[in-house]
C-alpha atoms as a PDB file:
ATOM      1  CA  MET A   1      32.888 -78.213  70.285  1.00  0.00           C
ATOM      2  CA  ASN A   2      29.276 -79.149  69.656  1.00  0.00           C
ATOM      3  CA  GLU A   3      29.581 -82.708  68.288  1.00  0.00           C
ATOM      4  CA  ASN A   4      25.891 -82.976  67.400  1.00  0.00           C
ATOM      5  CA  ASN A   5      26.091 -79.754  65.441  1.00  0.00           C
ATOM      6  CA  LEU A   6      29.179 -80.994  63.590  1.00  0.00           C
ATOM      7  CA  GLU A   7      27.451 -84.231  62.593  1.00  0.00           C
ATOM      8  CA  TYR A   8      24.406 -82.285  61.427  1.00  0.00           C
ATOM      9  CA  LEU A   9      26.576 -80.068  59.217  1.00  0.00           C
ATOM     10  CA  LYS A  10      28.336 -83.114  57.761  1.00  0.00           C
ATOM     11  CA  LYS A  11      24.959 -84.624  56.868  1.00  0.00           C
ATOM     12  CA  ASN A  12      23.956 -81.333  55.273  1.00  0.00           C
ATOM     13  CA  LEU A  13      27.062 -81.360  53.102  1.00  0.00           C
ATOM     14  CA  GLU A  14      26.346 -84.919  52.044  1.00  0.00           C
ATOM     15  CA  TYR A  15      22.706 -84.124  51.243  1.00  0.00           C
ATOM     16  CA  LEU A  16      23.788 -81.184  49.091  1.00  0.00           C
ATOM     17  CA  GLY A  17      26.022 -83.494  47.078  1.00  0.00           C
ATOM     18  CA  PHE A  18      29.446 -82.523  48.417  1.00  0.00           C
ATOM     19  CA  GLY A  19      30.113 -85.945  49.914  1.00  0.00           C
ATOM     20  CA  LYS A  20      32.612 -86.317  52.765  1.00  0.00           C
ATOM     21  CA  LYS A  21      35.606 -84.576  51.218  1.00  0.00           C
ATOM     22  CA  LEU A  22      35.126 -81.431  53.304  1.00  0.00           C
ATOM     23  CA  ASN A  23      34.545 -83.144  56.660  1.00  0.00           C
ATOM     24  CA  ASP A  24      38.107 -82.763  57.964  1.00  0.00           C
ATOM     25  CA  VAL A  25      38.495 -79.076  57.054  1.00  0.00           C
ATOM     26  CA  LEU A  26      35.011 -78.400  58.441  1.00  0.00           C
ATOM     27  CA  GLU A  27      35.859 -80.008  61.769  1.00  0.00           C
ATOM     28  CA  ASN A  28      39.180 -78.162  61.933  1.00  0.00           C
ATOM     29  CA  ALA A  29      37.492 -74.769  61.399  1.00  0.00           C
ATOM     30  CA  ILE A  30      34.876 -75.473  64.074  1.00  0.00           C
ATOM     31  CA  ARG A  31      37.499 -76.649  66.582  1.00  0.00           C
ATOM     32  CA  ARG A  32      39.333 -73.367  66.082  1.00  0.00           C
ATOM     33  CA  GLU A  33      36.042 -71.536  66.803  1.00  0.00           C
ATOM     34  CA  ILE A  34      36.314 -69.330  63.731  1.00  0.00           C
ATOM     35  CA  PRO A  35      33.216 -67.043  63.780  1.00  0.00           C
ATOM     36  CA  SER A  36      32.599 -67.354  60.036  1.00  0.00           C
ATOM     37  CA  PHE A  37      34.432 -69.239  57.321  1.00  0.00           C
ATOM     38  CA  SER A  38      34.085 -70.616  53.810  1.00  0.00           C
ATOM     39  CA  LEU A  39      35.045 -73.995  52.388  1.00  0.00           C
ATOM     40  CA  GLY A  40      35.745 -74.572  48.715  1.00  0.00           C
ATOM     41  CA  ILE A  41      35.423 -77.523  46.394  1.00  0.00           C
ATOM     42  CA  GLU A  42      35.768 -77.940  42.626  1.00  0.00           C
ATOM     43  CA  THR A  43      34.523 -80.630  40.276  1.00  0.00           C
ATOM     44  CA  LYS A  44      34.292 -81.360  36.563  1.00  0.00           C
ATOM     45  CA  MET A  45      31.011 -82.246  34.844  1.00  0.00           C
ATOM     46  CA  ARG A  46      29.914 -83.645  31.509  1.00  0.00           C
ATOM     47  CA  PRO A  47      27.880 -81.167  29.430  1.00  0.00           C
ATOM     48  CA  THR A  48      24.201 -81.466  30.337  1.00  0.00           C
ATOM     49  CA  GLU A  49      23.273 -82.154  26.713  1.00  0.00           C
ATOM     50  CA  SER A  50      25.777 -85.011  26.313  1.00  0.00           C
ATOM     51  CA  LYS A  51      24.307 -88.386  25.352  1.00  0.00           C
ATOM     52  CA  ASN A  52      27.522 -90.251  26.137  1.00  0.00           C
ATOM     53  CA  LEU A  53      27.966 -91.159  29.806  1.00  0.00           C
ATOM     54  CA  ASN A  54      31.698 -91.487  29.159  1.00  0.00           C
ATOM     55  CA  ALA A  55      32.004 -88.079  27.520  1.00  0.00           C
ATOM     56  CA  GLU A  56      34.833 -85.790  28.568  1.00  0.00           C
ATOM     57  CA  ARG A  57      34.122 -83.670  31.636  1.00  0.00           C
ATOM     58  CA  THR A  58      34.659 -80.215  30.171  1.00  0.00           C
ATOM     59  CA  GLU A  59      32.572 -78.063  32.519  1.00  0.00           C
ATOM     60  CA  THR A  60      34.086 -76.722  35.723  1.00  0.00           C
ATOM     61  CA  LEU A  61      31.994 -76.168  38.843  1.00  0.00           C
ATOM     62  CA  GLN A  62      33.441 -74.267  41.788  1.00  0.00           C
ATOM     63  CA  PHE A  63      31.616 -74.037  45.106  1.00  0.00           C
ATOM     64  CA  LYS A  64      32.226 -71.666  48.002  1.00  0.00           C
ATOM     65  CA  ILE A  65      30.224 -72.905  51.012  1.00  0.00           C
ATOM     66  CA  ASN A  66      29.641 -70.356  53.774  1.00  0.00           C
ATOM     67  CA  PHE A  67      29.320 -71.077  57.516  1.00  0.00           C
ATOM     68  CA  ASN A  68      28.535 -68.776  60.440  1.00  0.00           C
ATOM     69  CA  ARG A  69      28.600 -69.286  64.196  1.00  0.00           C
ATOM     70  CA  SER A  70      25.649 -68.258  66.354  1.00  0.00           C
ATOM     71  CA  LYS A  71      26.240 -65.239  68.609  1.00  0.00           C
ATOM     72  CA  GLU A  72      24.356 -66.928  71.444  1.00  0.00           C
ATOM     73  CA  SER A  73      25.880 -70.436  71.358  1.00  0.00           C
ATOM     74  CA  ASP A  74      28.537 -72.684  69.834  1.00  0.00           C
ATOM     75  CA  THR A  75      26.192 -73.743  67.018  1.00  0.00           C
ATOM     76  CA  TYR A  76      27.292 -73.271  63.418  1.00  0.00           C
ATOM     77  CA  PHE A  77      24.993 -72.809  60.421  1.00  0.00           C
ATOM     78  CA  LEU A  78      25.465 -73.593  56.748  1.00  0.00           C
ATOM     79  CA  ASN A  79      23.660 -70.592  55.316  1.00  0.00           C
ATOM     80  CA  ASN A  80      24.406 -70.524  51.610  1.00  0.00           C
ATOM     81  CA  TYR A  81      26.867 -71.395  48.904  1.00  0.00           C
ATOM     82  CA  LEU A  82      28.193 -69.660  45.815  1.00  0.00           C
ATOM     83  CA  VAL A  83      28.540 -71.705  42.636  1.00  0.00           C
ATOM     84  CA  THR A  84      30.519 -70.715  39.546  1.00  0.00           C
ATOM     85  CA  LEU A  85      30.087 -72.542  36.236  1.00  0.00           C
ATOM     86  CA  THR A  86      32.713 -72.305  33.505  1.00  0.00           C
ATOM     87  CA  LYS A  87      31.956 -74.033  30.204  1.00  0.00           C
ATOM     88  CA  LYS A  88      34.533 -75.015  27.602  1.00  0.00           C
ATOM     89  CA  ASN A  89      34.707 -72.584  24.655  1.00  0.00           C
ATOM     90  CA  ASP A  90      32.189 -70.281  26.337  1.00  0.00           C
ATOM     91  CA  PRO A  91      33.409 -66.833  27.462  1.00  0.00           C
ATOM     92  CA  ILE A  92      30.405 -66.364  29.759  1.00  0.00           C
ATOM     93  CA  VAL A  93      31.055 -67.463  33.350  1.00  0.00           C
ATOM     94  CA  ARG A  94      27.800 -68.043  35.219  1.00  0.00           C
ATOM     95  CA  GLN A  95      27.538 -67.524  38.950  1.00  0.00           C
ATOM     96  CA  GLN A  96      24.777 -67.879  41.522  1.00  0.00           C
ATOM     97  CA  SER A  97      24.421 -67.756  45.303  1.00  0.00           C
ATOM     98  CA  PHE A  98      21.892 -70.237  46.699  1.00  0.00           C
ATOM     99  CA  ASP A  99      20.427 -69.582  50.135  1.00  0.00           C
ATOM    100  CA  LEU A 100      19.412 -72.925  51.645  1.00  0.00           C
ATOM    101  CA  ALA A 101      16.286 -71.652  53.406  1.00  0.00           C
ATOM    102  CA  ARG A 102      15.066 -69.253  50.737  1.00  0.00           C
ATOM    103  CA  ASP A 103      15.966 -71.307  47.669  1.00  0.00           C
ATOM    104  CA  HIS A 104      14.469 -74.661  48.670  1.00  0.00           C
ATOM    105  CA  ARG A 105      17.738 -76.419  49.623  1.00  0.00           C
ATOM    106  CA  ILE A 106      19.001 -76.659  46.066  1.00  0.00           C
ATOM    107  CA  THR A 107      21.652 -79.376  45.770  1.00  0.00           C
ATOM    108  CA  ALA A 108      24.958 -79.007  43.930  1.00  0.00           C
ATOM    109  CA  LEU A 109      23.698 -81.066  40.982  1.00  0.00           C
ATOM    110  CA  GLN A 110      20.447 -79.107  40.815  1.00  0.00           C
ATOM    111  CA  ALA A 111      22.436 -75.862  40.900  1.00  0.00           C
ATOM    112  CA  TYR A 112      24.466 -77.069  37.919  1.00  0.00           C
ATOM    113  CA  LYS A 113      21.335 -77.897  35.929  1.00  0.00           C
ATOM    114  CA  LEU A 114      19.697 -74.559  36.731  1.00  0.00           C
ATOM    115  CA  LEU A 115      22.833 -72.615  35.782  1.00  0.00           C
ATOM    116  CA  SER A 116      22.901 -74.609  32.533  1.00  0.00           C
ATOM    117  CA  GLY A 117      19.478 -73.189  31.645  1.00  0.00           C
ATOM    118  CA  LEU A 118      17.373 -76.239  32.485  1.00  0.00           C
ATOM    119  CA  SER A 119      14.189 -76.380  34.567  1.00  0.00           C
ATOM    120  CA  LEU A 120      13.485 -78.986  37.237  1.00  0.00           C
ATOM    121  CA  GLU A 121      10.695 -80.095  39.525  1.00  0.00           C
ATOM    122  CA  LYS A 122      11.293 -80.326  43.277  1.00  0.00           C
ATOM    123  CA  GLU A 123       9.149 -81.109  46.293  1.00  0.00           C
ATOM    124  CA  VAL A 124       9.395 -78.300  48.844  1.00  0.00           C
ATOM    125  CA  TYR A 125       7.573 -77.179  51.969  1.00  0.00           C
ATOM    126  CA  LEU A 126       5.675 -73.959  51.393  1.00  0.00           C
ATOM    127  CA  LYS A 127       3.317 -71.719  53.297  1.00  0.00           C
ATOM    128  CA  SER A 128       0.213 -70.489  51.541  1.00  0.00           C
ATOM    129  CA  ASN A 129       1.814 -67.060  51.226  1.00  0.00           C
ATOM    130  CA  ASN A 130       4.649 -68.625  49.185  1.00  0.00           C
ATOM    131  CA  GLU A 131       7.162 -68.370  52.032  1.00  0.00           C
ATOM    132  CA  GLN A 132       9.218 -71.503  52.480  1.00  0.00           C
ATOM    133  CA  VAL A 133       9.351 -72.894  56.020  1.00  0.00           C
ATOM    134  CA  SER A 134      10.951 -75.785  57.787  1.00  0.00           C
ATOM    135  CA  GLN A 135       9.630 -79.304  57.411  1.00  0.00           C
ATOM    136  CA  GLY A 136       8.455 -79.411  61.015  1.00  0.00           C
ATOM    137  CA  ASN A 137       6.088 -76.462  60.679  1.00  0.00           C
ATOM    138  CA  GLU A 138       2.484 -77.686  60.720  1.00  0.00           C
ATOM    139  CA  GLN A 139       1.385 -74.801  58.496  1.00  0.00           C
ATOM    140  CA  ALA A 140       3.673 -75.971  55.701  1.00  0.00           C
ATOM    141  CA  GLN A 141       2.555 -78.236  52.907  1.00  0.00           C
ATOM    142  CA  LYS A 142       4.777 -80.344  50.709  1.00  0.00           C
ATOM    143  CA  THR A 143       4.298 -79.128  47.156  1.00  0.00           C
ATOM    144  CA  SER A 144       5.873 -80.047  43.833  1.00  0.00           C
ATOM    145  CA  VAL A 145       7.059 -76.887  42.109  1.00  0.00           C
ATOM    146  CA  TRP A 146       9.032 -76.209  38.955  1.00  0.00           C
ATOM    147  CA  LEU A 147      12.174 -74.089  39.300  1.00  0.00           C
ATOM    148  CA  LYS A 148      14.013 -72.107  36.638  1.00  0.00           C
ATOM    149  CA  LEU A 149      16.708 -69.424  36.721  1.00  0.00           C
ATOM    150  CA  ASN A 150      16.280 -66.322  34.590  1.00  0.00           C
ATOM    151  CA  LEU A 151      19.777 -66.286  33.113  1.00  0.00           C
ATOM    152  CA  ASP A 152      19.083 -63.173  31.041  1.00  0.00           C
ATOM    153  CA  ILE A 153      19.233 -60.802  34.019  1.00  0.00           C
ATOM    154  CA  THR A 154      20.820 -60.367  37.453  1.00  0.00           C
ATOM    155  CA  ASP A 155      19.440 -58.622  40.517  1.00  0.00           C
ATOM    156  CA  ALA A 156      21.116 -56.048  42.780  1.00  0.00           C
ATOM    157  CA  TYR A 157      23.131 -58.838  44.432  1.00  0.00           C
ATOM    158  CA  GLY A 158      24.412 -60.294  41.163  1.00  0.00           C
ATOM    159  CA  ASN A 159      22.031 -63.261  41.298  1.00  0.00           C
ATOM    160  CA  HIS A 160      19.763 -64.586  38.583  1.00  0.00           C
ATOM    161  CA  PRO A 161      16.130 -64.523  39.812  1.00  0.00           C
ATOM    162  CA  LEU A 162      14.897 -68.014  40.694  1.00  0.00           C
ATOM    163  CA  ARG A 163      11.391 -68.465  39.305  1.00  0.00           C
ATOM    164  CA  THR A 164       8.965 -70.826  41.034  1.00  0.00           C
ATOM    165  CA  PHE A 165       5.993 -72.338  39.194  1.00  0.00           C
ATOM    166  CA  ARG A 166       3.378 -73.854  41.502  1.00  0.00           C
ATOM    167  CA  PRO A 167       0.758 -76.422  40.418  1.00  0.00           C
ATOM    168  CA  GLU A 168      -1.848 -73.665  40.049  1.00  0.00           C
ATOM    169  CA  TYR A 169       0.332 -72.077  37.349  1.00  0.00           C
ATOM    170  CA  GLY A 170      -0.947 -74.895  35.159  1.00  0.00           C
ATOM    171  CA  TYR A 171       2.105 -76.535  33.633  1.00  0.00           C
ATOM    172  CA  ASP A 172       1.068 -80.049  32.564  1.00  0.00           C
ATOM    173  CA  LEU A 173       4.126 -81.993  31.433  1.00  0.00           C
ATOM    174  CA  VAL A 174       2.107 -84.999  30.222  1.00  0.00           C
ATOM    175  CA  LYS A 175      -0.070 -82.716  28.087  1.00  0.00           C
ATOM    176  CA  SER A 176       3.005 -80.978  26.687  1.00  0.00           C
ATOM    177  CA  LEU A 177       4.540 -84.307  25.677  1.00  0.00           C
ATOM    178  CA  ALA A 178       1.302 -85.403  24.007  1.00  0.00           C
ATOM    179  CA  ALA A 179       1.354 -82.296  21.799  1.00  0.00           C
ATOM    180  CA  TYR A 180       4.529 -83.424  20.022  1.00  0.00           C
ATOM    181  CA  PRO A 181       5.078 -86.339  17.588  1.00  0.00           C
ATOM    182  CA  ILE A 182       7.602 -88.032  19.891  1.00  0.00           C
ATOM    183  CA  LYS A 183       8.490 -91.601  19.023  1.00  0.00           C
ATOM    184  CA  ASP A 184       7.999 -94.542  21.410  1.00  0.00           C
ATOM    185  CA  ILE A 185       6.247 -92.933  24.379  1.00  0.00           C
ATOM    186  CA  GLU A 186       3.014 -94.864  23.954  1.00  0.00           C
ATOM    187  CA  SER A 187       3.950 -97.450  26.587  1.00  0.00           C
ATOM    188  CA  PRO A 188       3.343 -96.422  30.233  1.00  0.00           C
ATOM    189  CA  ASP A 189       6.848 -97.497  31.267  1.00  0.00           C
ATOM    190  CA  ARG A 190       8.534 -95.380  28.608  1.00  0.00           C
ATOM    191  CA  LEU A 191       6.313 -92.404  29.420  1.00  0.00           C
ATOM    192  CA  GLN A 192       7.274 -92.618  33.103  1.00  0.00           C
ATOM    193  CA  GLU A 193      10.935 -92.756  32.111  1.00  0.00           C
ATOM    194  CA  VAL A 194      10.569 -89.598  30.026  1.00  0.00           C
ATOM    195  CA  LEU A 195       8.656 -87.782  32.783  1.00  0.00           C
ATOM    196  CA  ALA A 196      11.232 -88.702  35.437  1.00  0.00           C
ATOM    197  CA  THR A 197      14.083 -87.544  33.202  1.00  0.00           C
ATOM    198  CA  LEU A 198      12.519 -84.164  32.425  1.00  0.00           C
ATOM    199  CA  ARG A 199      11.342 -83.539  35.985  1.00  0.00           C
ATOM    200  CA  SER A 200      14.877 -84.139  37.242  1.00  0.00           C
ATOM    201  CA  GLY A 201      16.141 -81.328  35.040  1.00  0.00           C
ATOM    202  CA  ASN A 202      17.698 -83.433  32.290  1.00  0.00           C
ATOM    203  CA  TYR A 203      17.466 -83.585  28.532  1.00  0.00           C
ATOM    204  CA  TYR A 204      15.684 -86.603  27.100  1.00  0.00           C
ATOM    205  CA  HIS A 205      17.172 -87.874  23.857  1.00  0.00           C
ATOM    206  CA  THR A 206      14.673 -89.422  21.475  1.00  0.00           C
ATOM    207  CA  GLU A 207      13.269 -89.165  17.945  1.00  0.00           C
ATOM    208  CA  MET A 208      10.477 -86.990  16.624  1.00  0.00           C
ATOM    209  CA  LYS A 209       8.540 -87.418  13.397  1.00  0.00           C
ATOM    210  CA  ILE A 210       8.993 -84.250  11.374  1.00  0.00           C
ATOM    211  CA  GLY A 211       7.451 -84.445   7.927  1.00  0.00           C
ATOM    212  CA  ASN A 212       8.076 -87.994   6.744  1.00  0.00           C
ATOM    213  CA  LYS A 213      11.284 -88.517   8.715  1.00  0.00           C
ATOM    214  CA  ASN A 214      12.194 -89.600  12.236  1.00  0.00           C
ATOM    215  CA  VAL A 215      14.615 -86.912  13.395  1.00  0.00           C
ATOM    216  CA  PRO A 216      16.950 -87.271  16.434  1.00  0.00           C
ATOM    217  CA  VAL A 217      16.056 -84.619  19.012  1.00  0.00           C
ATOM    218  CA  SER A 218      16.737 -83.617  22.601  1.00  0.00           C
ATOM    219  CA  ILE A 219      13.829 -82.281  24.641  1.00  0.00           C
ATOM    220  CA  ALA A 220      13.647 -80.382  27.930  1.00  0.00           C
ATOM    221  CA  ALA A 221      10.810 -79.074  30.081  1.00  0.00           C
ATOM    222  CA  ASN A 222       9.905 -75.391  29.827  1.00  0.00           C
ATOM    223  CA  PRO A 223       7.349 -74.609  32.551  1.00  0.00           C
ATOM    224  CA  GLN A 224       7.465 -70.857  31.969  1.00  0.00           C
ATOM    225  CA  ILE A 225       5.682 -71.077  28.619  1.00  0.00           C
ATOM    226  CA  LYS A 226       4.035 -74.436  29.393  1.00  0.00           C
ATOM    227  CA  THR A 227       5.697 -76.420  26.642  1.00  0.00           C
ATOM    228  CA  LEU A 228       8.881 -78.288  25.703  1.00  0.00           C
ATOM    229  CA  ASP A 229      12.155 -76.998  24.341  1.00  0.00           C
ATOM    230  CA  VAL A 230      13.183 -79.109  21.337  1.00  0.00           C
ATOM    231  CA  TYR A 231      16.703 -79.273  19.866  1.00  0.00           C
ATOM    232  CA  ASP A 232      18.221 -81.102  16.906  1.00  0.00           C
ATOM    233  CA  LYS A 233      21.298 -83.345  17.109  1.00  0.00           C
ATOM    234  CA  ASN A 234      23.541 -80.245  17.098  1.00  0.00           C
ATOM    235  CA  MET A 235      21.559 -78.672  19.968  1.00  0.00           C
ATOM    236  CA  LYS A 236      20.057 -76.046  17.679  1.00  0.00           C
ATOM    237  CA  GLU A 237      16.544 -75.162  18.782  1.00  0.00           C
ATOM    238  CA  LEU A 238      13.726 -76.406  16.562  1.00  0.00           C
ATOM    239  CA  HIS A 239      10.802 -73.996  16.387  1.00  0.00           C
ATOM    240  CA  GLN A 240       7.120 -74.842  15.987  1.00  0.00           C
ATOM    241  CA  GLY A 241       7.105 -74.038  12.276  1.00  0.00           C
ATOM    242  CA  THR A 242       9.799 -76.657  11.658  1.00  0.00           C
ATOM    243  CA  ILE A 243       8.197 -79.343  13.813  1.00  0.00           C
ATOM    244  CA  PHE A 244       4.666 -78.761  12.503  1.00  0.00           C
ATOM    245  CA  PRO A 245       5.123 -77.597   8.855  1.00  0.00           C
ATOM    246  CA  ASP A 246       1.498 -78.348   7.899  1.00  0.00           C
ATOM    247  CA  GLN A 247       0.177 -76.148  10.697  1.00  0.00           C
ATOM    248  CA  ALA A 248       2.653 -73.407   9.792  1.00  0.00           C
ATOM    249  CA  ASN A 249       1.619 -73.494   6.125  1.00  0.00           C
ATOM    250  CA  ALA A 250      -2.081 -73.464   7.027  1.00  0.00           C
ATOM    251  CA  LYS A 251      -1.562 -70.477   9.313  1.00  0.00           C
ATOM    252  CA  LYS A 252       0.405 -68.663   6.608  1.00  0.00           C
ATOM    253  CA  SER A 253      -2.369 -69.288   4.051  1.00  0.00           C
ATOM    254  CA  GLN A 254      -4.979 -68.039   6.510  1.00  0.00           C
ATOM    255  CA  GLN A 255      -2.991 -64.855   7.119  1.00  0.00           C
ATOM    256  CA  GLU A 256      -2.568 -64.294   3.380  1.00  0.00           C
ATOM    257  CA  ARG A 257      -6.319 -64.707   2.805  1.00  0.00           C
ATOM    258  CA  ALA A 258      -7.063 -62.253   5.599  1.00  0.00           C
ATOM    259  CA  ILE A 259      -4.669 -59.682   4.115  1.00  0.00           C
ATOM    260  CA  SER A 260      -6.205 -60.163   0.657  1.00  0.00           C
ATOM    261  CA  ALA A 261      -9.739 -59.705   2.020  1.00  0.00           C
ATOM    262  CA  ASP A 262      -8.733 -56.517   3.836  1.00  0.00           C
ATOM    263  CA  SER A 263      -7.155 -55.193   0.647  1.00  0.00           C
ATOM    264  CA  GLU A 264     -10.314 -55.822  -1.406  1.00  0.00           C
ATOM    265  CA  GLN A 265     -12.495 -54.228   1.241  1.00  0.00           C
ATOM    266  CA  SER A 266     -10.328 -51.115   1.383  1.00  0.00           C
ATOM    267  CA  LYS A 267     -10.804 -50.630  -2.383  1.00  0.00           C
ATOM    268  CA  GLU A 268     -14.597 -50.608  -2.006  1.00  0.00           C
ATOM    269  CA  VAL A 269     -14.726 -48.059   0.820  1.00  0.00           C
ATOM    270  CA  ALA A 270     -13.988 -44.460  -0.162  1.00  0.00           C
ATOM    271  CA  LEU A 271     -11.343 -42.906   2.022  1.00  0.00           C
ATOM    272  CA  PRO A 272     -12.495 -39.794   3.958  1.00  0.00           C
ATOM    273  CA  TRP A 273     -10.221 -37.323   2.203  1.00  0.00           C
ATOM    274  CA  ILE A 274     -11.218 -38.705  -1.221  1.00  0.00           C
ATOM    275  CA  ALA A 275     -14.912 -38.404  -0.368  1.00  0.00           C
ATOM    276  CA  GLU A 276     -14.437 -34.805   0.794  1.00  0.00           C
ATOM    277  CA  ASP A 277     -12.607 -33.940  -2.429  1.00  0.00           C
ATOM    278  CA  ILE A 278     -15.458 -35.362  -4.552  1.00  0.00           C
ATOM    279  CA  GLN A 279     -18.060 -33.391  -2.584  1.00  0.00           C
ATOM    280  CA  GLU A 280     -16.079 -30.160  -3.006  1.00  0.00           C
ATOM    281  CA  LYS A 281     -15.907 -30.677  -6.791  1.00  0.00           C
ATOM    282  CA  ASP A 282     -19.665 -31.288  -6.946  1.00  0.00           C
ATOM    283  CA  ARG A 283     -20.341 -28.043  -5.083  1.00  0.00           C
ATOM    284  CA  LYS A 284     -18.170 -26.092  -7.531  1.00  0.00           C
ATOM    285  CA  ARG A 285     -20.029 -27.565 -10.503  1.00  0.00           C
ATOM    286  CA  GLY A 286     -23.350 -26.538  -8.924  1.00  0.00           C
ATOM    287  CA  ARG A 287     -22.266 -22.897  -8.864  1.00  0.00           C
END
């Protein structure tokens, strides 16, 4: 048995967030020289939107971690893992296979956040042609990218497409925060706390001034449309018209004025078929 390879795989499991629980069954499978095998682990999680750190763990995560042995040597590889998320009172079971090389070494916790619909920022090594490479490759550059699963669709393999938003895409989280009337982010320390929370793929619970009231809200990063997702205390999404009623009313008034102006203009301009009918009547009178 390749002891160095075994230790490397154990470190990989720990990095991915699986701890040391699987070490014994991993070593047993490698000692038996099984060509390919899978290890399973299950855990319970608090809902991602929960404000209470002591809240009941109602969400079930199941992982199937896949290993293969090289055909040329006794080296084993941890290639990918399958994660299944089951939420309480939700009939939809979400599932995703994460390839370590292709999908930027997504950890178990990051997989949970992505399957929960959240976006997160992660530093990865990328080639200029958007192909991820190993850390040792001199052509690779460490880049902070935003990641988000498209949970609305699945590909031919049953996976949700993993979207990657590079810096050149133009998502500015600080600018997005500044666009909203969020309470108590004026201080640099508080701002850094909010940024770190959102970049890690978490909700940030705060208050937002809507009208004349400070309303409890939960916010999350949305790099795809370069903004924030905002929810009320019941996790119902708050749209722009609710958050900015003055802007919504001004826009509505502008649209109404434009419609009124178009209506007045249409009365002044004779329609083609009306004009033709008038000309025909004039010709008949001339006869």
